Amino acid sequence: MSNRKTICEAAEISNMLDTLARQIMDSRENPESLALVGIHTRGVYLARRIRERISGIGSADVPTGDMDINLYRDDWTRISHQPEVRSTRIDFNVNRKQIIFIDDVLYTGRTIRAALDAIIDFGRPERIELAVLIDRGHRELPIQADYVGRFVDTRRADAVNVLVSEYDGTDRVDLVTG
């Protein structure tokens, strides 16, 4: 039997995104070289929201792309025999860009490892960083986020589900224990 507990509501998510945008911009020596890449699915929407917030800070429009990493995963056959492949849209030159991957939850690190492989197919960025809404620990790879909205203490058997209004109809983070 599983239990679902809401651990973040829409207002807290909004505040976390504001903070992430400010931290990203405060750490820039050269904001013109910044680009965001949202990882499908919910990372795409979070990247768009962060781009809007960065634009509101007074910076220029930040190029933003969407990335599907399913075929780059080293564990895709364990996840599904027929992975759902979504589009990747990166309409800017990644060479010499400071790329920030945006994802909803950081867990084992395998998604980000796959994203690193995928971005290299587009060129050679100057730097790659990671921003996540939720870091729940339990890494299997030596990967950590540069910007974190919130750390959540979980057990391996738990799940953290981020819902975004653009995709799910609501903004919320749930912890599912079981």
N, C-alpha and C. Protein backbone atom coordinates (compact mmCIF):
# COMPACT_ATOMS: atom_id res chain seq x y z
N MET A 1 0.84 -1.19 0.00
CA MET A 1 0.00 0.00 0.00
C MET A 1 0.88 1.25 0.00
N SER A 2 0.57 2.18 -0.90
CA SER A 2 1.39 3.39 -0.98
C SER A 2 0.63 4.58 -0.42
N ASN A 3 1.39 5.51 0.10
CA ASN A 3 0.87 6.77 0.63
C ASN A 3 1.40 7.92 -0.20
N ARG A 4 0.52 8.85 -0.55
CA ARG A 4 0.93 10.05 -1.28
C ARG A 4 0.78 11.24 -0.37
N LYS A 5 1.86 12.01 -0.25
CA LYS A 5 1.85 13.21 0.56
C LYS A 5 2.37 14.37 -0.28
N THR A 6 1.61 15.44 -0.36
CA THR A 6 2.06 16.63 -1.09
C THR A 6 3.10 17.33 -0.23
N ILE A 7 4.29 17.54 -0.82
CA ILE A 7 5.37 18.17 -0.07
C ILE A 7 5.67 19.59 -0.57
N CYS A 8 5.16 19.96 -1.73
CA CYS A 8 5.29 21.33 -2.25
C CYS A 8 4.03 21.70 -3.01
N GLU A 9 3.53 22.85 -2.74
CA GLU A 9 2.38 23.39 -3.46
C GLU A 9 2.88 24.39 -4.52
N ALA A 10 1.96 24.90 -5.30
CA ALA A 10 2.30 25.79 -6.41
C ALA A 10 3.10 27.01 -5.98
N ALA A 11 2.74 27.64 -4.89
CA ALA A 11 3.45 28.86 -4.45
C ALA A 11 4.91 28.57 -4.11
N GLU A 12 5.16 27.44 -3.47
CA GLU A 12 6.55 27.08 -3.13
C GLU A 12 7.35 26.75 -4.38
N ILE A 13 6.72 26.07 -5.33
CA ILE A 13 7.40 25.79 -6.60
C ILE A 13 7.77 27.09 -7.30
N SER A 14 6.86 28.03 -7.33
CA SER A 14 7.12 29.33 -7.94
C SER A 14 8.30 30.03 -7.26
N ASN A 15 8.32 30.00 -5.93
CA ASN A 15 9.43 30.60 -5.19
C ASN A 15 10.75 29.90 -5.49
N MET A 16 10.72 28.58 -5.60
CA MET A 16 11.95 27.84 -5.91
C MET A 16 12.46 28.22 -7.29
N LEU A 17 11.57 28.37 -8.26
CA LEU A 17 11.97 28.75 -9.61
C LEU A 17 12.54 30.17 -9.64
N ASP A 18 11.95 31.08 -8.85
CA ASP A 18 12.51 32.44 -8.73
C ASP A 18 13.94 32.38 -8.20
N THR A 19 14.13 31.58 -7.15
CA THR A 19 15.45 31.45 -6.53
C THR A 19 16.45 30.83 -7.50
N LEU A 20 16.04 29.78 -8.20
CA LEU A 20 16.93 29.14 -9.17
C LEU A 20 17.36 30.14 -10.25
N ALA A 21 16.43 30.91 -10.76
CA ALA A 21 16.75 31.89 -11.80
C ALA A 21 17.75 32.93 -11.29
N ARG A 22 17.53 33.42 -10.07
CA ARG A 22 18.45 34.40 -9.49
C ARG A 22 19.84 33.79 -9.28
N GLN A 23 19.89 32.55 -8.77
CA GLN A 23 21.19 31.90 -8.55
C GLN A 23 21.93 31.69 -9.87
N ILE A 24 21.20 31.28 -10.88
CA ILE A 24 21.82 31.07 -12.19
C ILE A 24 22.42 32.38 -12.70
N MET A 25 21.67 33.46 -12.62
CA MET A 25 22.16 34.75 -13.13
C MET A 25 23.28 35.33 -12.26
N ASP A 26 23.19 35.13 -10.95
CA ASP A 26 24.23 35.65 -10.06
C ASP A 26 25.58 34.95 -10.28
N SER A 27 25.55 33.75 -10.81
CA SER A 27 26.79 33.00 -11.02
C SER A 27 27.40 33.22 -12.41
N ARG A 28 26.80 34.09 -13.20
CA ARG A 28 27.26 34.33 -14.59
C ARG A 28 28.26 35.46 -14.66
N GLU A 29 29.39 35.19 -15.27
CA GLU A 29 30.31 36.26 -15.65
C GLU A 29 29.95 36.77 -17.04
N ASN A 30 29.41 35.87 -17.87
CA ASN A 30 29.06 36.20 -19.24
C ASN A 30 27.65 35.68 -19.54
N PRO A 31 26.61 36.43 -19.17
CA PRO A 31 25.24 35.95 -19.38
C PRO A 31 24.88 35.72 -20.84
N GLU A 32 25.59 36.37 -21.76
CA GLU A 32 25.27 36.22 -23.18
C GLU A 32 25.54 34.81 -23.68
N SER A 33 26.40 34.07 -22.99
CA SER A 33 26.72 32.72 -23.45
C SER A 33 25.82 31.65 -22.80
N LEU A 34 24.86 32.08 -21.98
CA LEU A 34 23.98 31.16 -21.27
C LEU A 34 22.91 30.58 -22.20
N ALA A 35 22.62 29.28 -22.02
CA ALA A 35 21.50 28.61 -22.70
C ALA A 35 20.94 27.55 -21.76
N LEU A 36 19.64 27.36 -21.83
CA LEU A 36 18.96 26.36 -21.00
C LEU A 36 18.49 25.20 -21.87
N VAL A 37 18.57 24.00 -21.32
CA VAL A 37 18.06 22.81 -22.01
C VAL A 37 17.22 22.04 -21.01
N GLY A 38 15.91 22.00 -21.27
CA GLY A 38 14.99 21.25 -20.43
C GLY A 38 14.94 19.80 -20.85
N ILE A 39 14.97 18.91 -19.86
CA ILE A 39 14.94 17.48 -20.14
C ILE A 39 13.50 17.00 -20.05
N HIS A 40 13.06 16.33 -21.12
CA HIS A 40 11.68 15.83 -21.18
C HIS A 40 11.38 14.94 -20.00
N THR A 41 10.23 15.07 -19.45
CA THR A 41 9.13 15.87 -19.91
C THR A 41 9.01 17.16 -19.09
N ARG A 42 8.95 17.06 -17.80
CA ARG A 42 8.65 18.23 -16.98
C ARG A 42 9.79 19.24 -16.92
N GLY A 43 11.01 18.80 -17.15
CA GLY A 43 12.13 19.73 -17.20
C GLY A 43 12.00 20.75 -18.31
N VAL A 44 11.30 20.37 -19.38
CA VAL A 44 11.06 21.30 -20.50
C VAL A 44 10.25 22.49 -20.01
N TYR A 45 9.19 22.23 -19.28
CA TYR A 45 8.31 23.31 -18.79
C TYR A 45 9.01 24.14 -17.72
N LEU A 46 9.79 23.47 -16.86
CA LEU A 46 10.53 24.21 -15.84
C LEU A 46 11.58 25.11 -16.49
N ALA A 47 12.23 24.65 -17.54
CA ALA A 47 13.22 25.48 -18.26
C ALA A 47 12.56 26.72 -18.84
N ARG A 48 11.38 26.56 -19.41
CA ARG A 48 10.67 27.71 -19.99
C ARG A 48 10.31 28.72 -18.91
N ARG A 49 9.91 28.23 -17.75
CA ARG A 49 9.56 29.14 -16.65
C ARG A 49 10.80 29.86 -16.14
N ILE A 50 11.90 29.15 -16.02
CA ILE A 50 13.14 29.78 -15.56
C ILE A 50 13.60 30.82 -16.58
N ARG A 51 13.48 30.51 -17.87
CA ARG A 51 13.84 31.49 -18.91
C ARG A 51 13.01 32.77 -18.74
N GLU A 52 11.72 32.63 -18.49
CA GLU A 52 10.86 33.81 -18.29
C GLU A 52 11.32 34.63 -17.09
N ARG A 53 11.70 33.94 -16.02
CA ARG A 53 12.14 34.64 -14.82
C ARG A 53 13.48 35.35 -15.06
N ILE A 54 14.38 34.70 -15.77
CA ILE A 54 15.66 35.32 -16.11
C ILE A 54 15.43 36.55 -16.97
N SER A 55 14.52 36.45 -17.91
CA SER A 55 14.18 37.58 -18.77
C SER A 55 13.63 38.73 -17.92
N GLY A 56 12.84 38.41 -16.91
CA GLY A 56 12.28 39.41 -16.02
C GLY A 56 13.31 40.10 -15.14
N ILE A 57 14.44 39.44 -14.92
CA ILE A 57 15.52 40.03 -14.13
C ILE A 57 16.19 41.15 -14.92
N GLY A 58 15.94 41.18 -16.22
CA GLY A 58 16.49 42.23 -17.06
C GLY A 58 17.52 41.74 -18.03
N SER A 59 17.72 40.46 -18.08
CA SER A 59 18.71 39.91 -19.00
C SER A 59 18.08 39.69 -20.36
N ALA A 60 18.93 39.51 -21.33
CA ALA A 60 18.47 39.22 -22.69
C ALA A 60 17.74 37.88 -22.71
N ASP A 61 17.03 37.64 -23.78
CA ASP A 61 16.32 36.38 -23.95
C ASP A 61 17.34 35.24 -24.02
N VAL A 62 17.17 34.24 -23.18
CA VAL A 62 18.10 33.12 -23.10
C VAL A 62 17.62 32.01 -24.04
N PRO A 63 18.47 31.55 -24.96
CA PRO A 63 18.07 30.43 -25.80
C PRO A 63 17.71 29.22 -24.94
N THR A 64 16.62 28.57 -25.31
CA THR A 64 16.14 27.43 -24.52
C THR A 64 15.75 26.31 -25.46
N GLY A 65 16.20 25.11 -25.14
CA GLY A 65 15.89 23.94 -25.94
C GLY A 65 15.26 22.84 -25.12
N ASP A 66 14.78 21.83 -25.83
CA ASP A 66 14.16 20.65 -25.21
C ASP A 66 14.98 19.44 -25.61
N MET A 67 15.19 18.51 -24.67
CA MET A 67 15.98 17.33 -24.98
C MET A 67 15.28 16.06 -24.48
N ASP A 68 15.20 15.08 -25.40
CA ASP A 68 14.76 13.74 -25.01
C ASP A 68 16.00 12.87 -24.91
N ILE A 69 16.17 12.19 -23.80
CA ILE A 69 17.39 11.41 -23.57
C ILE A 69 17.12 9.91 -23.59
N ASN A 70 15.90 9.49 -23.87
CA ASN A 70 15.55 8.07 -23.72
C ASN A 70 16.48 7.12 -24.46
N LEU A 71 16.84 7.42 -25.68
CA LEU A 71 17.69 6.49 -26.42
C LEU A 71 19.16 6.57 -26.01
N TYR A 72 19.51 7.53 -25.15
CA TYR A 72 20.88 7.64 -24.64
C TYR A 72 21.03 6.97 -23.28
N ARG A 73 19.94 6.53 -22.70
CA ARG A 73 19.99 5.93 -21.36
C ARG A 73 20.71 4.59 -21.41
N ASP A 74 21.46 4.29 -20.37
CA ASP A 74 22.12 3.00 -20.30
C ASP A 74 21.20 1.93 -19.71
N ASP A 75 20.02 2.36 -19.27
CA ASP A 75 19.08 1.41 -18.65
C ASP A 75 17.72 1.39 -19.35
N TRP A 76 17.65 1.87 -20.60
CA TRP A 76 16.34 2.00 -21.25
C TRP A 76 15.66 0.67 -21.47
N THR A 77 16.41 -0.40 -21.65
CA THR A 77 15.75 -1.70 -21.86
C THR A 77 15.13 -2.22 -20.57
N ARG A 78 15.64 -1.77 -19.42
CA ARG A 78 15.02 -2.18 -18.15
C ARG A 78 13.78 -1.35 -17.85
N ILE A 79 13.73 -0.14 -18.40
CA ILE A 79 12.59 0.73 -18.16
C ILE A 79 11.41 0.33 -19.04
N SER A 80 11.69 0.06 -20.32
CA SER A 80 10.62 -0.27 -21.26
C SER A 80 11.23 -0.90 -22.51
N HIS A 81 10.55 -1.88 -23.06
CA HIS A 81 11.03 -2.48 -24.30
C HIS A 81 10.84 -1.53 -25.48
N GLN A 82 9.87 -0.65 -25.39
CA GLN A 82 9.58 0.34 -26.44
C GLN A 82 9.58 1.72 -25.79
N PRO A 83 10.76 2.33 -25.65
CA PRO A 83 10.79 3.64 -24.99
C PRO A 83 10.03 4.68 -25.80
N GLU A 84 9.37 5.57 -25.08
CA GLU A 84 8.67 6.67 -25.75
C GLU A 84 9.70 7.72 -26.14
N VAL A 85 9.83 7.95 -27.42
CA VAL A 85 10.81 8.91 -27.91
C VAL A 85 10.09 10.21 -28.25
N ARG A 86 10.53 11.29 -27.61
CA ARG A 86 9.96 12.61 -27.86
C ARG A 86 10.96 13.41 -28.67
N SER A 87 10.56 14.57 -29.09
CA SER A 87 11.44 15.38 -29.93
C SER A 87 12.51 16.07 -29.10
N THR A 88 13.63 16.28 -29.71
CA THR A 88 14.68 17.12 -29.17
C THR A 88 14.73 18.36 -30.05
N ARG A 89 14.68 19.52 -29.41
CA ARG A 89 14.70 20.77 -30.16
C ARG A 89 15.75 21.68 -29.53
N ILE A 90 16.86 21.80 -30.22
CA ILE A 90 17.91 22.72 -29.80
C ILE A 90 18.23 23.56 -31.03
N ASP A 91 17.62 24.76 -31.06
CA ASP A 91 17.69 25.64 -32.23
C ASP A 91 18.80 26.68 -32.12
N PHE A 92 19.83 26.39 -31.37
CA PHE A 92 20.93 27.33 -31.22
C PHE A 92 22.23 26.52 -31.25
N ASN A 93 23.31 27.20 -31.55
CA ASN A 93 24.62 26.58 -31.59
C ASN A 93 25.11 26.39 -30.16
N VAL A 94 25.39 25.17 -29.75
CA VAL A 94 25.82 24.90 -28.38
C VAL A 94 27.31 25.15 -28.18
N ASN A 95 28.06 25.29 -29.26
CA ASN A 95 29.50 25.53 -29.14
C ASN A 95 29.75 26.81 -28.35
N ARG A 96 30.62 26.70 -27.35
CA ARG A 96 31.03 27.81 -26.49
C ARG A 96 29.88 28.37 -25.64
N LYS A 97 28.79 27.65 -25.54
CA LYS A 97 27.69 28.07 -24.67
C LYS A 97 27.87 27.49 -23.27
N GLN A 98 27.34 28.19 -22.29
CA GLN A 98 27.24 27.68 -20.93
C GLN A 98 25.84 27.09 -20.81
N ILE A 99 25.76 25.78 -20.96
CA ILE A 99 24.48 25.07 -20.96
C ILE A 99 24.09 24.73 -19.54
N ILE A 100 22.86 24.98 -19.22
CA ILE A 100 22.32 24.51 -17.94
C ILE A 100 21.18 23.55 -18.25
N PHE A 101 21.38 22.29 -17.88
CA PHE A 101 20.30 21.31 -17.98
C PHE A 101 19.31 21.62 -16.86
N ILE A 102 18.02 21.53 -17.20
CA ILE A 102 16.95 21.73 -16.22
C ILE A 102 16.16 20.44 -16.16
N ASP A 103 16.00 19.89 -14.95
CA ASP A 103 15.21 18.67 -14.76
C ASP A 103 14.38 18.82 -13.50
N ASP A 104 13.33 18.00 -13.42
CA ASP A 104 12.45 18.10 -12.27
C ASP A 104 13.02 17.44 -11.03
N VAL A 105 13.53 16.19 -11.16
CA VAL A 105 14.02 15.44 -10.01
C VAL A 105 15.39 14.85 -10.33
N LEU A 106 16.33 15.00 -9.42
CA LEU A 106 17.63 14.34 -9.53
C LEU A 106 17.61 13.17 -8.56
N TYR A 107 17.86 11.97 -9.11
CA TYR A 107 17.81 10.75 -8.30
C TYR A 107 19.11 9.98 -8.51
N THR A 108 19.15 9.03 -9.40
CA THR A 108 20.34 8.19 -9.58
C THR A 108 21.46 8.89 -10.33
N GLY A 109 21.12 9.86 -11.18
CA GLY A 109 22.09 10.54 -12.02
C GLY A 109 22.12 10.00 -13.44
N ARG A 110 21.38 8.94 -13.71
CA ARG A 110 21.41 8.31 -15.03
C ARG A 110 20.81 9.20 -16.13
N THR A 111 19.78 9.94 -15.80
CA THR A 111 19.19 10.86 -16.79
C THR A 111 20.22 11.91 -17.21
N ILE A 112 20.93 12.44 -16.25
CA ILE A 112 21.90 13.49 -16.55
C ILE A 112 23.10 12.91 -17.31
N ARG A 113 23.53 11.71 -16.98
CA ARG A 113 24.60 11.07 -17.74
C ARG A 113 24.19 10.93 -19.21
N ALA A 114 22.94 10.53 -19.43
CA ALA A 114 22.43 10.41 -20.80
C ALA A 114 22.36 11.78 -21.48
N ALA A 115 21.97 12.81 -20.74
CA ALA A 115 21.90 14.17 -21.31
C ALA A 115 23.29 14.66 -21.71
N LEU A 116 24.28 14.32 -20.93
CA LEU A 116 25.66 14.70 -21.28
C LEU A 116 26.07 14.05 -22.60
N ASP A 117 25.75 12.78 -22.77
CA ASP A 117 26.04 12.11 -24.03
C ASP A 117 25.30 12.77 -25.19
N ALA A 118 24.03 13.09 -24.96
CA ALA A 118 23.20 13.64 -26.03
C ALA A 118 23.66 15.03 -26.46
N ILE A 119 24.02 15.89 -25.53
CA ILE A 119 24.38 17.26 -25.90
C ILE A 119 25.64 17.31 -26.75
N ILE A 120 26.53 16.36 -26.56
CA ILE A 120 27.77 16.33 -27.32
C ILE A 120 27.49 16.09 -28.81
N ASP A 121 26.36 15.46 -29.12
CA ASP A 121 25.98 15.29 -30.52
C ASP A 121 25.67 16.63 -31.20
N PHE A 122 25.46 17.67 -30.42
CA PHE A 122 25.14 19.00 -30.95
C PHE A 122 26.34 19.93 -31.00
N GLY A 123 27.43 19.56 -30.35
CA GLY A 123 28.61 20.40 -30.35
C GLY A 123 29.36 20.30 -29.04
N ARG A 124 30.21 21.30 -28.80
CA ARG A 124 31.03 21.29 -27.60
C ARG A 124 30.77 22.55 -26.78
N PRO A 125 29.91 22.42 -25.75
CA PRO A 125 29.66 23.57 -24.89
C PRO A 125 30.91 23.98 -24.11
N GLU A 126 30.96 25.23 -23.71
CA GLU A 126 32.04 25.72 -22.86
C GLU A 126 31.94 25.10 -21.47
N ARG A 127 30.70 24.98 -21.00
CA ARG A 127 30.46 24.48 -19.64
C ARG A 127 29.05 23.90 -19.61
N ILE A 128 28.87 22.88 -18.77
CA ILE A 128 27.54 22.31 -18.57
C ILE A 128 27.27 22.26 -17.07
N GLU A 129 26.11 22.80 -16.68
CA GLU A 129 25.69 22.79 -15.28
C GLU A 129 24.31 22.15 -15.20
N LEU A 130 23.84 21.95 -13.98
CA LEU A 130 22.56 21.29 -13.75
C LEU A 130 21.76 22.03 -12.70
N ALA A 131 20.49 22.28 -13.03
CA ALA A 131 19.53 22.85 -12.08
C ALA A 131 18.35 21.89 -11.98
N VAL A 132 17.97 21.57 -10.75
CA VAL A 132 16.84 20.66 -10.53
C VAL A 132 15.90 21.27 -9.50
N LEU A 133 14.63 20.96 -9.67
CA LEU A 133 13.65 21.42 -8.68
C LEU A 133 13.81 20.64 -7.38
N ILE A 134 13.96 19.31 -7.48
CA ILE A 134 14.05 18.44 -6.32
C ILE A 134 15.27 17.53 -6.44
N ASP A 135 16.08 17.48 -5.39
CA ASP A 135 17.18 16.52 -5.29
C ASP A 135 16.80 15.55 -4.18
N ARG A 136 16.61 14.28 -4.55
CA ARG A 136 16.18 13.29 -3.57
C ARG A 136 17.26 12.32 -3.15
N GLY A 137 18.50 12.54 -3.62
CA GLY A 137 19.61 11.69 -3.21
C GLY A 137 19.62 10.34 -3.91
N HIS A 138 20.40 9.42 -3.36
CA HIS A 138 20.52 8.03 -3.84
C HIS A 138 21.22 7.93 -5.19
N ARG A 139 22.30 8.67 -5.39
CA ARG A 139 23.02 8.62 -6.65
C ARG A 139 23.64 7.27 -6.91
N GLU A 140 23.64 6.88 -8.15
CA GLU A 140 24.38 5.71 -8.63
C GLU A 140 25.61 6.15 -9.41
N LEU A 141 25.65 7.42 -9.78
CA LEU A 141 26.76 7.99 -10.54
C LEU A 141 27.22 9.26 -9.83
N PRO A 142 28.47 9.66 -10.02
CA PRO A 142 28.99 10.85 -9.32
C PRO A 142 28.54 12.15 -9.99
N ILE A 143 27.27 12.44 -9.85
CA ILE A 143 26.66 13.62 -10.47
C ILE A 143 25.94 14.40 -9.38
N GLN A 144 26.11 15.71 -9.41
CA GLN A 144 25.39 16.55 -8.46
C GLN A 144 24.90 17.80 -9.16
N ALA A 145 23.84 18.39 -8.62
CA ALA A 145 23.27 19.60 -9.20
C ALA A 145 24.03 20.83 -8.71
N ASP A 146 24.14 21.82 -9.60
CA ASP A 146 24.73 23.10 -9.24
C ASP A 146 23.71 24.01 -8.57
N TYR A 147 22.44 23.81 -8.92
CA TYR A 147 21.35 24.63 -8.40
C TYR A 147 20.21 23.69 -8.03
N VAL A 148 19.72 23.79 -6.78
CA VAL A 148 18.68 22.89 -6.30
C VAL A 148 17.58 23.72 -5.65
N GLY A 149 16.33 23.45 -6.08
CA GLY A 149 15.20 24.10 -5.45
C GLY A 149 14.98 23.61 -4.03
N ARG A 150 15.04 22.28 -3.85
CA ARG A 150 14.80 21.70 -2.53
C ARG A 150 15.39 20.30 -2.46
N PHE A 151 16.03 19.98 -1.34
CA PHE A 151 16.49 18.63 -1.06
C PHE A 151 15.38 17.91 -0.30
N VAL A 152 15.07 16.68 -0.72
CA VAL A 152 14.03 15.89 -0.07
C VAL A 152 14.63 14.56 0.36
N ASP A 153 14.49 14.26 1.64
CA ASP A 153 15.00 13.01 2.19
C ASP A 153 14.03 11.88 1.83
N THR A 154 14.53 10.89 1.10
CA THR A 154 13.68 9.78 0.66
C THR A 154 14.38 8.44 0.92
N ARG A 155 13.60 7.39 0.81
CA ARG A 155 14.15 6.04 0.76
C ARG A 155 14.15 5.63 -0.71
N ARG A 156 14.96 4.64 -1.03
CA ARG A 156 15.03 4.18 -2.43
C ARG A 156 13.67 3.74 -2.96
N ALA A 157 12.85 3.15 -2.13
CA ALA A 157 11.54 2.63 -2.56
C ALA A 157 10.52 3.74 -2.79
N ASP A 158 10.82 4.95 -2.34
CA ASP A 158 9.90 6.08 -2.50
C ASP A 158 9.95 6.60 -3.93
N ALA A 159 8.98 7.43 -4.25
CA ALA A 159 8.96 8.15 -5.52
C ALA A 159 8.66 9.61 -5.24
N VAL A 160 9.26 10.48 -6.02
CA VAL A 160 8.96 11.91 -5.96
C VAL A 160 8.37 12.27 -7.31
N ASN A 161 7.14 12.76 -7.31
CA ASN A 161 6.44 13.12 -8.54
C ASN A 161 6.23 14.63 -8.59
N VAL A 162 6.84 15.25 -9.59
CA VAL A 162 6.64 16.68 -9.83
C VAL A 162 5.55 16.81 -10.88
N LEU A 163 4.54 17.60 -10.56
CA LEU A 163 3.46 17.88 -11.51
C LEU A 163 3.55 19.35 -11.90
N VAL A 164 3.39 19.62 -13.18
CA VAL A 164 3.41 21.01 -13.67
C VAL A 164 2.11 21.27 -14.42
N SER A 165 1.61 22.48 -14.28
CA SER A 165 0.29 22.81 -14.84
C SER A 165 0.23 22.63 -16.35
N GLU A 166 1.32 22.92 -17.05
CA GLU A 166 1.32 22.82 -18.51
C GLU A 166 1.10 21.38 -18.99
N TYR A 167 1.48 20.41 -18.18
CA TYR A 167 1.40 19.01 -18.57
C TYR A 167 0.37 18.23 -17.74
N ASP A 168 0.30 18.55 -16.46
CA ASP A 168 -0.54 17.79 -15.52
C ASP A 168 -1.78 18.53 -15.05
N GLY A 169 -1.87 19.83 -15.37
CA GLY A 169 -3.02 20.60 -14.96
C GLY A 169 -2.89 21.23 -13.60
N THR A 170 -1.80 20.98 -12.87
CA THR A 170 -1.57 21.55 -11.56
C THR A 170 -0.08 21.58 -11.27
N ASP A 171 0.32 22.46 -10.36
CA ASP A 171 1.71 22.51 -9.88
C ASP A 171 1.74 21.93 -8.47
N ARG A 172 2.56 20.88 -8.32
CA ARG A 172 2.61 20.21 -7.02
C ARG A 172 3.77 19.21 -7.05
N VAL A 173 4.34 18.93 -5.87
CA VAL A 173 5.32 17.86 -5.73
C VAL A 173 4.78 16.91 -4.68
N ASP A 174 4.71 15.64 -5.06
CA ASP A 174 4.21 14.59 -4.17
C ASP A 174 5.33 13.63 -3.82
N LEU A 175 5.33 13.18 -2.58
CA LEU A 175 6.19 12.09 -2.14
C LEU A 175 5.31 10.88 -1.97
N VAL A 176 5.64 9.81 -2.70
CA VAL A 176 4.87 8.58 -2.63
C VAL A 176 5.72 7.55 -1.91
N THR A 177 5.25 7.12 -0.76
CA THR A 177 5.97 6.12 0.02
C THR A 177 5.21 4.79 -0.06
N GLY A 178 5.95 3.74 0.06
CA GLY A 178 5.25 2.47 -0.03
C GLY A 178 6.13 1.38 0.24
